[in-house]
Amino acid sequence: MNEQRKSPRKIANEVLEVSDQITGTLLGQVVNISAEGLMLLSTQQINVGSVYQLDLKLPRLIKNHSKIAFGAEAVWSSEAAQPDSFWTGFRMIDISEDCVLAVDELIFDWHVLD
């Protein structure tokens, strides 16, 4: 498969929960992340093509943010190896420059996924 990402994915080395801004429902945890998107592990299947307003809860205050708010589109989804679990890839489609900088600072020293 051809790699289409502009930024390398980094493996989450901290627990990062992602919630739906509209419903407040916890969607899952970040598996890996880049400046353009993320992969989520969830207990519910997310429909490809769905667009969400999401909150990424930060493990500590970063650039005066306790969470990062952004819009994202689910671009792929598949069953995970764990029972009743799903992987979903999201492409960030609406995120402020300030939040991008907070993501960059959060993941700066994390391991790059090969």
PDB file of N, CA and C in Angstrom:
ATOM      1  N   MET A   1       0.835  -1.175   0.000  1.00  0.00           N
ATOM      2  CA  MET A   1       0.000   0.000   0.000  1.00  0.00           C
ATOM      3  C   MET A   1       0.878   1.237   0.000  1.00  0.00           C
ATOM      4  N   ASN A   2       0.511   2.238  -0.773  1.00  0.00           N
ATOM      5  CA  ASN A   2       1.234   3.503  -0.828  1.00  0.00           C
ATOM      6  C   ASN A   2       0.916   4.355   0.390  1.00  0.00           C
ATOM      7  N   GLU A   3       1.931   4.867   1.039  1.00  0.00           N
ATOM      8  CA  GLU A   3       1.748   5.758   2.183  1.00  0.00           C
ATOM      9  C   GLU A   3       1.340   7.131   1.673  1.00  0.00           C
ATOM     10  N   GLN A   4       0.210   7.648   2.148  1.00  0.00           N
ATOM     11  CA  GLN A   4      -0.295   8.939   1.694  1.00  0.00           C
ATOM     12  C   GLN A   4      -0.159  10.030   2.748  1.00  0.00           C
ATOM     13  N   ARG A   5       0.361   9.679   3.911  1.00  0.00           N
ATOM     14  CA  ARG A   5       0.475  10.663   4.985  1.00  0.00           C
ATOM     15  C   ARG A   5       1.632  11.615   4.720  1.00  0.00           C
ATOM     16  N   LYS A   6       1.429  12.883   5.098  1.00  0.00           N
ATOM     17  CA  LYS A   6       2.485  13.884   4.977  1.00  0.00           C
ATOM     18  C   LYS A   6       3.358  13.909   6.227  1.00  0.00           C
ATOM     19  N   SER A   7       2.760  13.516   7.366  1.00  0.00           N
ATOM     20  CA  SER A   7       3.475  13.481   8.639  1.00  0.00           C
ATOM     21  C   SER A   7       3.526  12.047   9.142  1.00  0.00           C
ATOM     22  N   PRO A   8       4.630  11.656   9.756  1.00  0.00           N
ATOM     23  CA  PRO A   8       4.714  10.293  10.279  1.00  0.00           C
ATOM     24  C   PRO A   8       3.766  10.089  11.458  1.00  0.00           C
ATOM     25  N   ARG A   9       3.189   8.881  11.527  1.00  0.00           N
ATOM     26  CA  ARG A   9       2.347   8.535  12.663  1.00  0.00           C
ATOM     27  C   ARG A   9       3.242   8.244  13.859  1.00  0.00           C
ATOM     28  N   LYS A  10       2.770   8.618  15.031  1.00  0.00           N
ATOM     29  CA  LYS A  10       3.499   8.326  16.263  1.00  0.00           C
ATOM     30  C   LYS A  10       2.598   7.512  17.178  1.00  0.00           C
ATOM     31  N   ILE A  11       3.182   6.492  17.783  1.00  0.00           N
ATOM     32  CA  ILE A  11       2.440   5.612  18.681  1.00  0.00           C
ATOM     33  C   ILE A  11       2.147   6.347  19.980  1.00  0.00           C
ATOM     34  N   ALA A  12       0.880   6.299  20.406  1.00  0.00           N
ATOM     35  CA  ALA A  12       0.487   6.957  21.659  1.00  0.00           C
ATOM     36  C   ALA A  12       1.153   6.240  22.828  1.00  0.00           C
ATOM     37  N   ASN A  13       1.934   6.967  23.597  1.00  0.00           N
ATOM     38  CA  ASN A  13       2.564   6.361  24.768  1.00  0.00           C
ATOM     39  C   ASN A  13       1.913   6.851  26.058  1.00  0.00           C
ATOM     40  N   GLU A  14       0.756   7.466  25.899  1.00  0.00           N
ATOM     41  CA  GLU A  14      -0.065   7.897  27.024  1.00  0.00           C
ATOM     42  C   GLU A  14      -1.510   7.577  26.664  1.00  0.00           C
ATOM     43  N   VAL A  15      -2.360   7.428  27.670  1.00  0.00           N
ATOM     44  CA  VAL A  15      -3.778   7.195  27.409  1.00  0.00           C
ATOM     45  C   VAL A  15      -4.409   8.508  26.981  1.00  0.00           C
ATOM     46  N   LEU A  16      -4.965   8.498  25.753  1.00  0.00           N
ATOM     47  CA  LEU A  16      -5.609   9.678  25.195  1.00  0.00           C
ATOM     48  C   LEU A  16      -7.025   9.300  24.787  1.00  0.00           C
ATOM     49  N   GLU A  17      -8.007   9.812  25.516  1.00  0.00           N
ATOM     50  CA  GLU A  17      -9.405   9.502  25.234  1.00  0.00           C
ATOM     51  C   GLU A  17      -9.986  10.528  24.276  1.00  0.00           C
ATOM     52  N   VAL A  18     -10.834  10.040  23.360  1.00  0.00           N
ATOM     53  CA  VAL A  18     -11.486  10.888  22.375  1.00  0.00           C
ATOM     54  C   VAL A  18     -12.993  10.785  22.579  1.00  0.00           C
ATOM     55  N   SER A  19     -13.646  11.950  22.673  1.00  0.00           N
ATOM     56  CA  SER A  19     -15.094  12.012  22.875  1.00  0.00           C
ATOM     57  C   SER A  19     -15.759  12.807  21.770  1.00  0.00           C
ATOM     58  N   ASP A  20     -17.020  12.505  21.538  1.00  0.00           N
ATOM     59  CA  ASP A  20     -17.863  13.263  20.613  1.00  0.00           C
ATOM     60  C   ASP A  20     -18.262  14.562  21.313  1.00  0.00           C
ATOM     61  N   GLN A  21     -17.955  15.703  20.719  1.00  0.00           N
ATOM     62  CA  GLN A  21     -18.293  16.996  21.327  1.00  0.00           C
ATOM     63  C   GLN A  21     -19.793  17.193  21.480  1.00  0.00           C
ATOM     64  N   ILE A  22     -20.571  16.705  20.530  1.00  0.00           N
ATOM     65  CA  ILE A  22     -22.013  16.928  20.525  1.00  0.00           C
ATOM     66  C   ILE A  22     -22.709  16.128  21.618  1.00  0.00           C
ATOM     67  N   THR A  23     -22.382  14.827  21.728  1.00  0.00           N
ATOM     68  CA  THR A  23     -23.074  13.951  22.677  1.00  0.00           C
ATOM     69  C   THR A  23     -22.323  13.776  23.994  1.00  0.00           C
ATOM     70  N   GLY A  24     -21.020  14.085  23.990  1.00  0.00           N
ATOM     71  CA  GLY A  24     -20.200  13.855  25.167  1.00  0.00           C
ATOM     72  C   GLY A  24     -19.799  12.394  25.333  1.00  0.00           C
ATOM     73  N   THR A  25     -20.185  11.541  24.384  1.00  0.00           N
ATOM     74  CA  THR A  25     -19.906  10.115  24.443  1.00  0.00           C
ATOM     75  C   THR A  25     -18.431   9.823  24.179  1.00  0.00           C
ATOM     76  N   LEU A  26     -17.851   8.975  25.020  1.00  0.00           N
ATOM     77  CA  LEU A  26     -16.486   8.521  24.800  1.00  0.00           C
ATOM     78  C   LEU A  26     -16.490   7.602  23.589  1.00  0.00           C
ATOM     79  N   LEU A  27     -15.678   7.920  22.566  1.00  0.00           N
ATOM     80  CA  LEU A  27     -15.601   7.088  21.367  1.00  0.00           C
ATOM     81  C   LEU A  27     -14.505   6.039  21.467  1.00  0.00           C
ATOM     82  N   GLY A  28     -13.396   6.368  22.120  1.00  0.00           N
ATOM     83  CA  GLY A  28     -12.309   5.404  22.239  1.00  0.00           C
ATOM     84  C   GLY A  28     -11.008   6.048  22.642  1.00  0.00           C
ATOM     85  N   GLN A  29      -9.918   5.301  22.415  1.00  0.00           N
ATOM     86  CA  GLN A  29      -8.577   5.765  22.769  1.00  0.00           C
ATOM     87  C   GLN A  29      -7.692   5.813  21.537  1.00  0.00           C
ATOM     88  N   VAL A  30      -6.810   6.800  21.517  1.00  0.00           N
ATOM     89  CA  VAL A  30      -5.867   6.973  20.420  1.00  0.00           C
ATOM     90  C   VAL A  30      -4.830   5.854  20.451  1.00  0.00           C
ATOM     91  N   VAL A  31      -4.599   5.247  19.278  1.00  0.00           N
ATOM     92  CA  VAL A  31      -3.562   4.228  19.116  1.00  0.00           C
ATOM     93  C   VAL A  31      -2.310   4.882  18.550  1.00  0.00           C
ATOM     94  N   ASN A  32      -2.504   5.667  17.472  1.00  0.00           N
ATOM     95  CA  ASN A  32      -1.409   6.457  16.920  1.00  0.00           C
ATOM     96  C   ASN A  32      -1.982   7.739  16.352  1.00  0.00           C
ATOM     97  N   ILE A  33      -1.088   8.704  16.135  1.00  0.00           N
ATOM     98  CA  ILE A  33      -1.549  10.043  15.765  1.00  0.00           C
ATOM     99  C   ILE A  33      -0.472  10.741  14.935  1.00  0.00           C
ATOM    100  N   SER A  34      -0.912  11.622  14.057  1.00  0.00           N
ATOM    101  CA  SER A  34      -0.020  12.503  13.309  1.00  0.00           C
ATOM    102  C   SER A  34      -0.684  13.870  13.261  1.00  0.00           C
ATOM    103  N   ALA A  35      -0.049  14.808  12.591  1.00  0.00           N
ATOM    104  CA  ALA A  35      -0.612  16.149  12.477  1.00  0.00           C
ATOM    105  C   ALA A  35      -1.883  16.157  11.623  1.00  0.00           C
ATOM    106  N   GLU A  36      -2.079  15.117  10.799  1.00  0.00           N
ATOM    107  CA  GLU A  36      -3.236  15.074   9.900  1.00  0.00           C
ATOM    108  C   GLU A  36      -4.343  14.142  10.352  1.00  0.00           C
ATOM    109  N   GLY A  37      -4.069  13.230  11.282  1.00  0.00           N
ATOM    110  CA  GLY A  37      -5.105  12.274  11.650  1.00  0.00           C
ATOM    111  C   GLY A  37      -4.702  11.378  12.795  1.00  0.00           C
ATOM    112  N   LEU A  38      -5.569  10.412  13.075  1.00  0.00           N
ATOM    113  CA  LEU A  38      -5.319   9.495  14.176  1.00  0.00           C
ATOM    114  C   LEU A  38      -6.032   8.170  13.933  1.00  0.00           C
ATOM    115  N   MET A  39      -5.570   7.152  14.651  1.00  0.00           N
ATOM    116  CA  MET A  39      -6.242   5.865  14.660  1.00  0.00           C
ATOM    117  C   MET A  39      -6.792   5.652  16.056  1.00  0.00           C
ATOM    118  N   LEU A  40      -8.059   5.252  16.102  1.00  0.00           N
ATOM    119  CA  LEU A  40      -8.776   5.101  17.359  1.00  0.00           C
ATOM    120  C   LEU A  40      -9.127   3.640  17.574  1.00  0.00           C
ATOM    121  N   LEU A  41      -9.033   3.172  18.813  1.00  0.00           N
ATOM    122  CA  LEU A  41      -9.531   1.864  19.212  1.00  0.00           C
ATOM    123  C   LEU A  41     -10.815   2.110  19.993  1.00  0.00           C
ATOM    124  N   SER A  42     -11.921   1.501  19.528  1.00  0.00           N
ATOM    125  CA  SER A  42     -13.206   1.731  20.174  1.00  0.00           C
ATOM    126  C   SER A  42     -13.973   0.431  20.344  1.00  0.00           C
ATOM    127  N   THR A  43     -15.022   0.479  21.150  1.00  0.00           N
ATOM    128  CA  THR A  43     -15.879  -0.681  21.350  1.00  0.00           C
ATOM    129  C   THR A  43     -17.091  -0.636  20.427  1.00  0.00           C
ATOM    130  N   GLN A  44     -17.218   0.422  19.669  1.00  0.00           N
ATOM    131  CA  GLN A  44     -18.319   0.534  18.710  1.00  0.00           C
ATOM    132  C   GLN A  44     -17.743   0.802  17.333  1.00  0.00           C
ATOM    133  N   GLN A  45     -18.410   0.234  16.320  1.00  0.00           N
ATOM    134  CA  GLN A  45     -17.954   0.474  14.958  1.00  0.00           C
ATOM    135  C   GLN A  45     -18.392   1.860  14.521  1.00  0.00           C
ATOM    136  N   ILE A  46     -17.503   2.569  13.876  1.00  0.00           N
ATOM    137  CA  ILE A  46     -17.764   3.923  13.398  1.00  0.00           C
ATOM    138  C   ILE A  46     -17.898   3.867  11.888  1.00  0.00           C
ATOM    139  N   ASN A  47     -18.955   4.461  11.367  1.00  0.00           N
ATOM    140  CA  ASN A  47     -19.223   4.411   9.932  1.00  0.00           C
ATOM    141  C   ASN A  47     -18.226   5.253   9.145  1.00  0.00           C
ATOM    142  N   VAL A  48     -17.628   4.643   8.128  1.00  0.00           N
ATOM    143  CA  VAL A  48     -16.719   5.354   7.230  1.00  0.00           C
ATOM    144  C   VAL A  48     -17.506   6.470   6.539  1.00  0.00           C
ATOM    145  N   GLY A  49     -16.899   7.631   6.440  1.00  0.00           N
ATOM    146  CA  GLY A  49     -17.537   8.794   5.840  1.00  0.00           C
ATOM    147  C   GLY A  49     -18.232   9.691   6.848  1.00  0.00           C
ATOM    148  N   SER A  50     -18.402   9.208   8.080  1.00  0.00           N
ATOM    149  CA  SER A  50     -19.023  10.025   9.131  1.00  0.00           C
ATOM    150  C   SER A  50     -18.074  11.154   9.527  1.00  0.00           C
ATOM    151  N   VAL A  51     -18.649  12.310   9.783  1.00  0.00           N
ATOM    152  CA  VAL A  51     -17.877  13.472  10.212  1.00  0.00           C
ATOM    153  C   VAL A  51     -18.263  13.785  11.657  1.00  0.00           C
ATOM    154  N   TYR A  52     -17.257  14.005  12.485  1.00  0.00           N
ATOM    155  CA  TYR A  52     -17.452  14.252  13.904  1.00  0.00           C
ATOM    156  C   TYR A  52     -16.767  15.534  14.338  1.00  0.00           C
ATOM    157  N   GLN A  53     -17.296  16.131  15.385  1.00  0.00           N
ATOM    158  CA  GLN A  53     -16.604  17.164  16.146  1.00  0.00           C
ATOM    159  C   GLN A  53     -16.095  16.439  17.376  1.00  0.00           C
ATOM    160  N   LEU A  54     -14.771  16.373  17.535  1.00  0.00           N
ATOM    161  CA  LEU A  54     -14.170  15.559  18.580  1.00  0.00           C
ATOM    162  C   LEU A  54     -13.379  16.387  19.582  1.00  0.00           C
ATOM    163  N   ASP A  55     -13.256  15.829  20.774  1.00  0.00           N
ATOM    164  CA  ASP A  55     -12.383  16.364  21.821  1.00  0.00           C
ATOM    165  C   ASP A  55     -11.371  15.293  22.174  1.00  0.00           C
ATOM    166  N   LEU A  56     -10.113  15.653  22.149  1.00  0.00           N
ATOM    167  CA  LEU A  56      -9.029  14.777  22.576  1.00  0.00           C
ATOM    168  C   LEU A  56      -8.590  15.269  23.949  1.00  0.00           C
ATOM    169  N   LYS A  57      -8.847  14.464  24.978  1.00  0.00           N
ATOM    170  CA  LYS A  57      -8.482  14.844  26.345  1.00  0.00           C
ATOM    171  C   LYS A  57      -6.979  14.682  26.520  1.00  0.00           C
ATOM    172  N   LEU A  58      -6.322  15.747  26.912  1.00  0.00           N
ATOM    173  CA  LEU A  58      -4.868  15.730  27.094  1.00  0.00           C
ATOM    174  C   LEU A  58      -4.505  15.215  28.484  1.00  0.00           C
ATOM    175  N   PRO A  59      -3.379  14.520  28.616  1.00  0.00           N
ATOM    176  CA  PRO A  59      -2.965  13.977  29.911  1.00  0.00           C
ATOM    177  C   PRO A  59      -2.443  15.046  30.873  1.00  0.00           C
ATOM    178  N   ARG A  60      -2.191  16.218  30.336  1.00  0.00           N
ATOM    179  CA  ARG A  60      -1.705  17.358  31.146  1.00  0.00           C
ATOM    180  C   ARG A  60      -1.998  18.636  30.353  1.00  0.00           C
ATOM    181  N   LEU A  61      -1.865  19.773  31.004  1.00  0.00           N
ATOM    182  CA  LEU A  61      -2.078  21.058  30.343  1.00  0.00           C
ATOM    183  C   LEU A  61      -0.948  21.305  29.338  1.00  0.00           C
ATOM    184  N   ILE A  62      -1.308  21.551  28.074  1.00  0.00           N
ATOM    185  CA  ILE A  62      -0.327  21.833  27.026  1.00  0.00           C
ATOM    186  C   ILE A  62      -0.758  23.095  26.300  1.00  0.00           C
ATOM    187  N   LYS A  63       0.093  24.094  26.311  1.00  0.00           N
ATOM    188  CA  LYS A  63      -0.205  25.383  25.678  1.00  0.00           C
ATOM    189  C   LYS A  63      -1.583  25.906  26.124  1.00  0.00           C
ATOM    190  N   ASN A  64      -1.824  25.788  27.427  1.00  0.00           N
ATOM    191  CA  ASN A  64      -3.071  26.218  28.060  1.00  0.00           C
ATOM    192  C   ASN A  64      -4.304  25.434  27.611  1.00  0.00           C
ATOM    193  N   HIS A  65      -4.114  24.237  27.056  1.00  0.00           N
ATOM    194  CA  HIS A  65      -5.221  23.379  26.637  1.00  0.00           C
ATOM    195  C   HIS A  65      -5.280  22.135  27.526  1.00  0.00           C
ATOM    196  N   SER A  66      -6.484  21.785  27.987  1.00  0.00           N
ATOM    197  CA  SER A  66      -6.689  20.513  28.680  1.00  0.00           C
ATOM    198  C   SER A  66      -7.282  19.492  27.715  1.00  0.00           C
ATOM    199  N   LYS A  67      -7.765  19.998  26.581  1.00  0.00           N
ATOM    200  CA  LYS A  67      -8.268  19.140  25.517  1.00  0.00           C
ATOM    201  C   LYS A  67      -8.052  19.846  24.188  1.00  0.00           C
ATOM    202  N   ILE A  68      -8.104  19.052  23.134  1.00  0.00           N
ATOM    203  CA  ILE A  68      -7.956  19.595  21.787  1.00  0.00           C
ATOM    204  C   ILE A  68      -9.246  19.311  21.043  1.00  0.00           C
ATOM    205  N   ALA A  69      -9.843  20.340  20.490  1.00  0.00           N
ATOM    206  CA  ALA A  69     -11.090  20.208  19.742  1.00  0.00           C
ATOM    207  C   ALA A  69     -10.793  20.249  18.246  1.00  0.00           C
ATOM    208  N   PHE A  70     -11.437  19.332  17.497  1.00  0.00           N
ATOM    209  CA  PHE A  70     -11.217  19.311  16.056  1.00  0.00           C
ATOM    210  C   PHE A  70     -12.342  18.556  15.358  1.00  0.00           C
ATOM    211  N   GLY A  71     -12.488  18.825  14.077  1.00  0.00           N
ATOM    212  CA  GLY A  71     -13.400  18.070  13.233  1.00  0.00           C
ATOM    213  C   GLY A  71     -12.616  16.974  12.550  1.00  0.00           C
ATOM    214  N   ALA A  72     -13.253  15.809  12.372  1.00  0.00           N
ATOM    215  CA  ALA A  72     -12.561  14.685  11.743  1.00  0.00           C
ATOM    216  C   ALA A  72     -13.547  13.822  10.970  1.00  0.00           C
ATOM    217  N   GLU A  73     -13.030  13.228   9.896  1.00  0.00           N
ATOM    218  CA  GLU A  73     -13.816  12.304   9.085  1.00  0.00           C
ATOM    219  C   GLU A  73     -13.259  10.893   9.245  1.00  0.00           C
ATOM    220  N   ALA A  74     -14.147   9.921   9.474  1.00  0.00           N
ATOM    221  CA  ALA A  74     -13.737   8.522   9.530  1.00  0.00           C
ATOM    222  C   ALA A  74     -13.463   8.053   8.103  1.00  0.00           C
ATOM    223  N   VAL A  75     -12.221   7.675   7.821  1.00  0.00           N
ATOM    224  CA  VAL A  75     -11.846   7.302   6.453  1.00  0.00           C
ATOM    225  C   VAL A  75     -11.703   5.796   6.256  1.00  0.00           C
ATOM    226  N   TRP A  76     -11.572   5.034   7.338  1.00  0.00           N
ATOM    227  CA  TRP A  76     -11.574   3.574   7.258  1.00  0.00           C
ATOM    228  C   TRP A  76     -11.911   3.015   8.626  1.00  0.00           C
ATOM    229  N   SER A  77     -12.387   1.766   8.641  1.00  0.00           N
ATOM    230  CA  SER A  77     -12.716   1.095   9.889  1.00  0.00           C
ATOM    231  C   SER A  77     -12.613  -0.412   9.681  1.00  0.00           C
ATOM    232  N   SER A  78     -12.159  -1.122  10.711  1.00  0.00           N
ATOM    233  CA  SER A  78     -12.082  -2.577  10.638  1.00  0.00           C
ATOM    234  C   SER A  78     -12.166  -3.160  12.046  1.00  0.00           C
ATOM    235  N   GLU A  79     -12.490  -4.452  12.106  1.00  0.00           N
ATOM    236  CA  GLU A  79     -12.516  -5.128  13.399  1.00  0.00           C
ATOM    237  C   GLU A  79     -11.097  -5.260  13.926  1.00  0.00           C
ATOM    238  N   ALA A  80     -10.954  -5.097  15.234  1.00  0.00           N
ATOM    239  CA  ALA A  80      -9.654  -5.271  15.882  1.00  0.00           C
ATOM    240  C   ALA A  80      -9.530  -6.726  16.336  1.00  0.00           C
ATOM    241  N   ALA A  81      -8.341  -7.117  16.757  1.00  0.00           N
ATOM    242  CA  ALA A  81      -8.108  -8.476  17.217  1.00  0.00           C
ATOM    243  C   ALA A  81      -8.865  -8.771  18.513  1.00  0.00           C
ATOM    244  N   GLN A  82      -9.035  -7.754  19.344  1.00  0.00           N
ATOM    245  CA  GLN A  82      -9.773  -7.924  20.592  1.00  0.00           C
ATOM    246  C   GLN A  82     -11.260  -8.071  20.291  1.00  0.00           C
ATOM    247  N   PRO A  83     -11.966  -8.953  21.005  1.00  0.00           N
ATOM    248  CA  PRO A  83     -13.412  -9.095  20.772  1.00  0.00           C
ATOM    249  C   PRO A  83     -14.147  -7.779  21.008  1.00  0.00           C
ATOM    250  N   ASP A  84     -15.141  -7.504  20.167  1.00  0.00           N
ATOM    251  CA  ASP A  84     -15.985  -6.299  20.284  1.00  0.00           C
ATOM    252  C   ASP A  84     -15.177  -5.006  20.276  1.00  0.00           C
ATOM    253  N   SER A  85     -14.105  -4.991  19.488  1.00  0.00           N
ATOM    254  CA  SER A  85     -13.280  -3.787  19.360  1.00  0.00           C
ATOM    255  C   SER A  85     -13.062  -3.481  17.888  1.00  0.00           C
ATOM    256  N   PHE A  86     -12.875  -2.194  17.604  1.00  0.00           N
ATOM    257  CA  PHE A  86     -12.726  -1.741  16.225  1.00  0.00           C
ATOM    258  C   PHE A  86     -11.616  -0.710  16.126  1.00  0.00           C
ATOM    259  N   TRP A  87     -10.909  -0.745  14.993  1.00  0.00           N
ATOM    260  CA  TRP A  87      -9.932   0.284  14.644  1.00  0.00           C
ATOM    261  C   TRP A  87     -10.641   1.240  13.690  1.00  0.00           C
ATOM    262  N   THR A  88     -10.410   2.526  13.854  1.00  0.00           N
ATOM    263  CA  THR A  88     -10.949   3.508  12.912  1.00  0.00           C
ATOM    264  C   THR A  88      -9.887   4.561  12.653  1.00  0.00           C
ATOM    265  N   GLY A  89      -9.681   4.866  11.384  1.00  0.00           N
ATOM    266  CA  GLY A  89      -8.756   5.921  10.994  1.00  0.00           C
ATOM    267  C   GLY A  89      -9.527   7.197  10.716  1.00  0.00           C
ATOM    268  N   PHE A  90      -9.094   8.280  11.333  1.00  0.00           N
ATOM    269  CA  PHE A  90      -9.722   9.591  11.153  1.00  0.00           C
ATOM    270  C   PHE A  90      -8.748  10.554  10.482  1.00  0.00           C
ATOM    271  N   ARG A  91      -9.270  11.355   9.584  1.00  0.00           N
ATOM    272  CA  ARG A  91      -8.517  12.451   8.978  1.00  0.00           C
ATOM    273  C   ARG A  91      -9.039  13.736   9.605  1.00  0.00           C
ATOM    274  N   MET A  92      -8.134  14.521  10.177  1.00  0.00           N
ATOM    275  CA  MET A  92      -8.526  15.808  10.767  1.00  0.00           C
ATOM    276  C   MET A  92      -8.869  16.768   9.633  1.00  0.00           C
ATOM    277  N   ILE A  93     -10.051  17.380   9.727  1.00  0.00           N
ATOM    278  CA  ILE A  93     -10.490  18.280   8.661  1.00  0.00           C
ATOM    279  C   ILE A  93     -10.723  19.702   9.143  1.00  0.00           C
ATOM    280  N   ASP A  94     -10.753  19.899  10.451  1.00  0.00           N
ATOM    281  CA  ASP A  94     -10.969  21.236  10.986  1.00  0.00           C
ATOM    282  C   ASP A  94     -10.317  21.316  12.358  1.00  0.00           C
ATOM    283  N   ILE A  95      -9.136  21.939  12.401  1.00  0.00           N
ATOM    284  CA  ILE A  95      -8.403  22.071  13.664  1.00  0.00           C
ATOM    285  C   ILE A  95      -7.655  23.398  13.631  1.00  0.00           C
ATOM    286  N   SER A  96      -7.683  24.112  14.733  1.00  0.00           N
ATOM    287  CA  SER A  96      -7.010  25.412  14.793  1.00  0.00           C
ATOM    288  C   SER A  96      -5.498  25.224  14.814  1.00  0.00           C
ATOM    289  N   GLU A  97      -4.793  26.234  14.372  1.00  0.00           N
ATOM    290  CA  GLU A  97      -3.325  26.196  14.368  1.00  0.00           C
ATOM    291  C   GLU A  97      -2.790  26.024  15.788  1.00  0.00           C
ATOM    292  N   ASP A  98      -3.441  26.651  16.757  1.00  0.00           N
ATOM    293  CA  ASP A  98      -3.031  26.536  18.148  1.00  0.00           C
ATOM    294  C   ASP A  98      -3.155  25.087  18.636  1.00  0.00           C
ATOM    295  N   CYS A  99      -4.218  24.402  18.233  1.00  0.00           N
ATOM    296  CA  CYS A  99      -4.406  23.003  18.621  1.00  0.00           C
ATOM    297  C   CYS A  99      -3.407  22.094  17.903  1.00  0.00           C
ATOM    298  N   VAL A 100      -3.075  22.407  16.659  1.00  0.00           N
ATOM    299  CA  VAL A 100      -2.048  21.643  15.944  1.00  0.00           C
ATOM    300  C   VAL A 100      -0.724  21.742  16.692  1.00  0.00           C
ATOM    301  N   LEU A 101      -0.389  22.933  17.155  1.00  0.00           N
ATOM    302  CA  LEU A 101       0.858  23.116  17.912  1.00  0.00           C
ATOM    303  C   LEU A 101       0.830  22.337  19.218  1.00  0.00           C
ATOM    304  N   ALA A 102      -0.333  22.256  19.871  1.00  0.00           N
ATOM    305  CA  ALA A 102      -0.453  21.475  21.102  1.00  0.00           C
ATOM    306  C   ALA A 102      -0.261  19.982  20.816  1.00  0.00           C
ATOM    307  N   VAL A 103      -0.836  19.477  19.709  1.00  0.00           N
ATOM    308  CA  VAL A 103      -0.631  18.079  19.315  1.00  0.00           C
ATOM    309  C   VAL A 103       0.850  17.845  19.045  1.00  0.00           C
ATOM    310  N   ASP A 104       1.486  18.746  18.306  1.00  0.00           N
ATOM    311  CA  ASP A 104       2.913  18.613  18.003  1.00  0.00           C
ATOM    312  C   ASP A 104       3.750  18.533  19.278  1.00  0.00           C
ATOM    313  N   GLU A 105       3.439  19.383  20.250  1.00  0.00           N
ATOM    314  CA  GLU A 105       4.201  19.368  21.507  1.00  0.00           C
ATOM    315  C   GLU A 105       3.958  18.072  22.268  1.00  0.00           C
ATOM    316  N   LEU A 106       2.703  17.605  22.285  1.00  0.00           N
ATOM    317  CA  LEU A 106       2.359  16.368  22.983  1.00  0.00           C
ATOM    318  C   LEU A 106       3.141  15.183  22.440  1.00  0.00           C
ATOM    319  N   ILE A 107       3.232  15.059  21.126  1.00  0.00           N
ATOM    320  CA  ILE A 107       3.804  13.858  20.512  1.00  0.00           C
ATOM    321  C   ILE A 107       5.259  14.016  20.082  1.00  0.00           C
ATOM    322  N   PHE A 108       5.883  15.143  20.390  1.00  0.00           N
ATOM    323  CA  PHE A 108       7.230  15.448  19.907  1.00  0.00           C
ATOM    324  C   PHE A 108       8.226  14.309  20.114  1.00  0.00           C
ATOM    325  N   ASP A 109       8.286  13.736  21.311  1.00  0.00           N
ATOM    326  CA  ASP A 109       9.301  12.719  21.598  1.00  0.00           C
ATOM    327  C   ASP A 109       8.755  11.293  21.578  1.00  0.00           C
ATOM    328  N   TRP A 110       7.557  11.102  21.056  1.00  0.00           N
ATOM    329  CA  TRP A 110       7.001   9.751  20.947  1.00  0.00           C
ATOM    330  C   TRP A 110       7.659   8.993  19.819  1.00  0.00           C
ATOM    331  N   HIS A 111       7.568   7.676  19.868  1.00  0.00           N
ATOM    332  CA  HIS A 111       8.154   6.787  18.866  1.00  0.00           C
ATOM    333  C   HIS A 111       7.389   6.855  17.548  1.00  0.00           C
ATOM    334  N   VAL A 112       8.109   7.014  16.438  1.00  0.00           N
ATOM    335  CA  VAL A 112       7.494   7.032  15.108  1.00  0.00           C
ATOM    336  C   VAL A 112       7.150   5.599  14.719  1.00  0.00           C
ATOM    337  N   LEU A 113       5.942   5.414  14.200  1.00  0.00           N
ATOM    338  CA  LEU A 113       5.507   4.102  13.712  1.00  0.00           C
ATOM    339  C   LEU A 113       6.169   3.828  12.375  1.00  0.00           C
ATOM    340  N   ASP A 114       6.824   2.681  12.251  1.00  0.00           N
ATOM    341  CA  ASP A 114       7.498   2.331  10.991  1.00  0.00           C
ATOM    342  C   ASP A 114       6.527   1.843   9.952  1.00  0.00           C
TER     343      ASP A 114
END
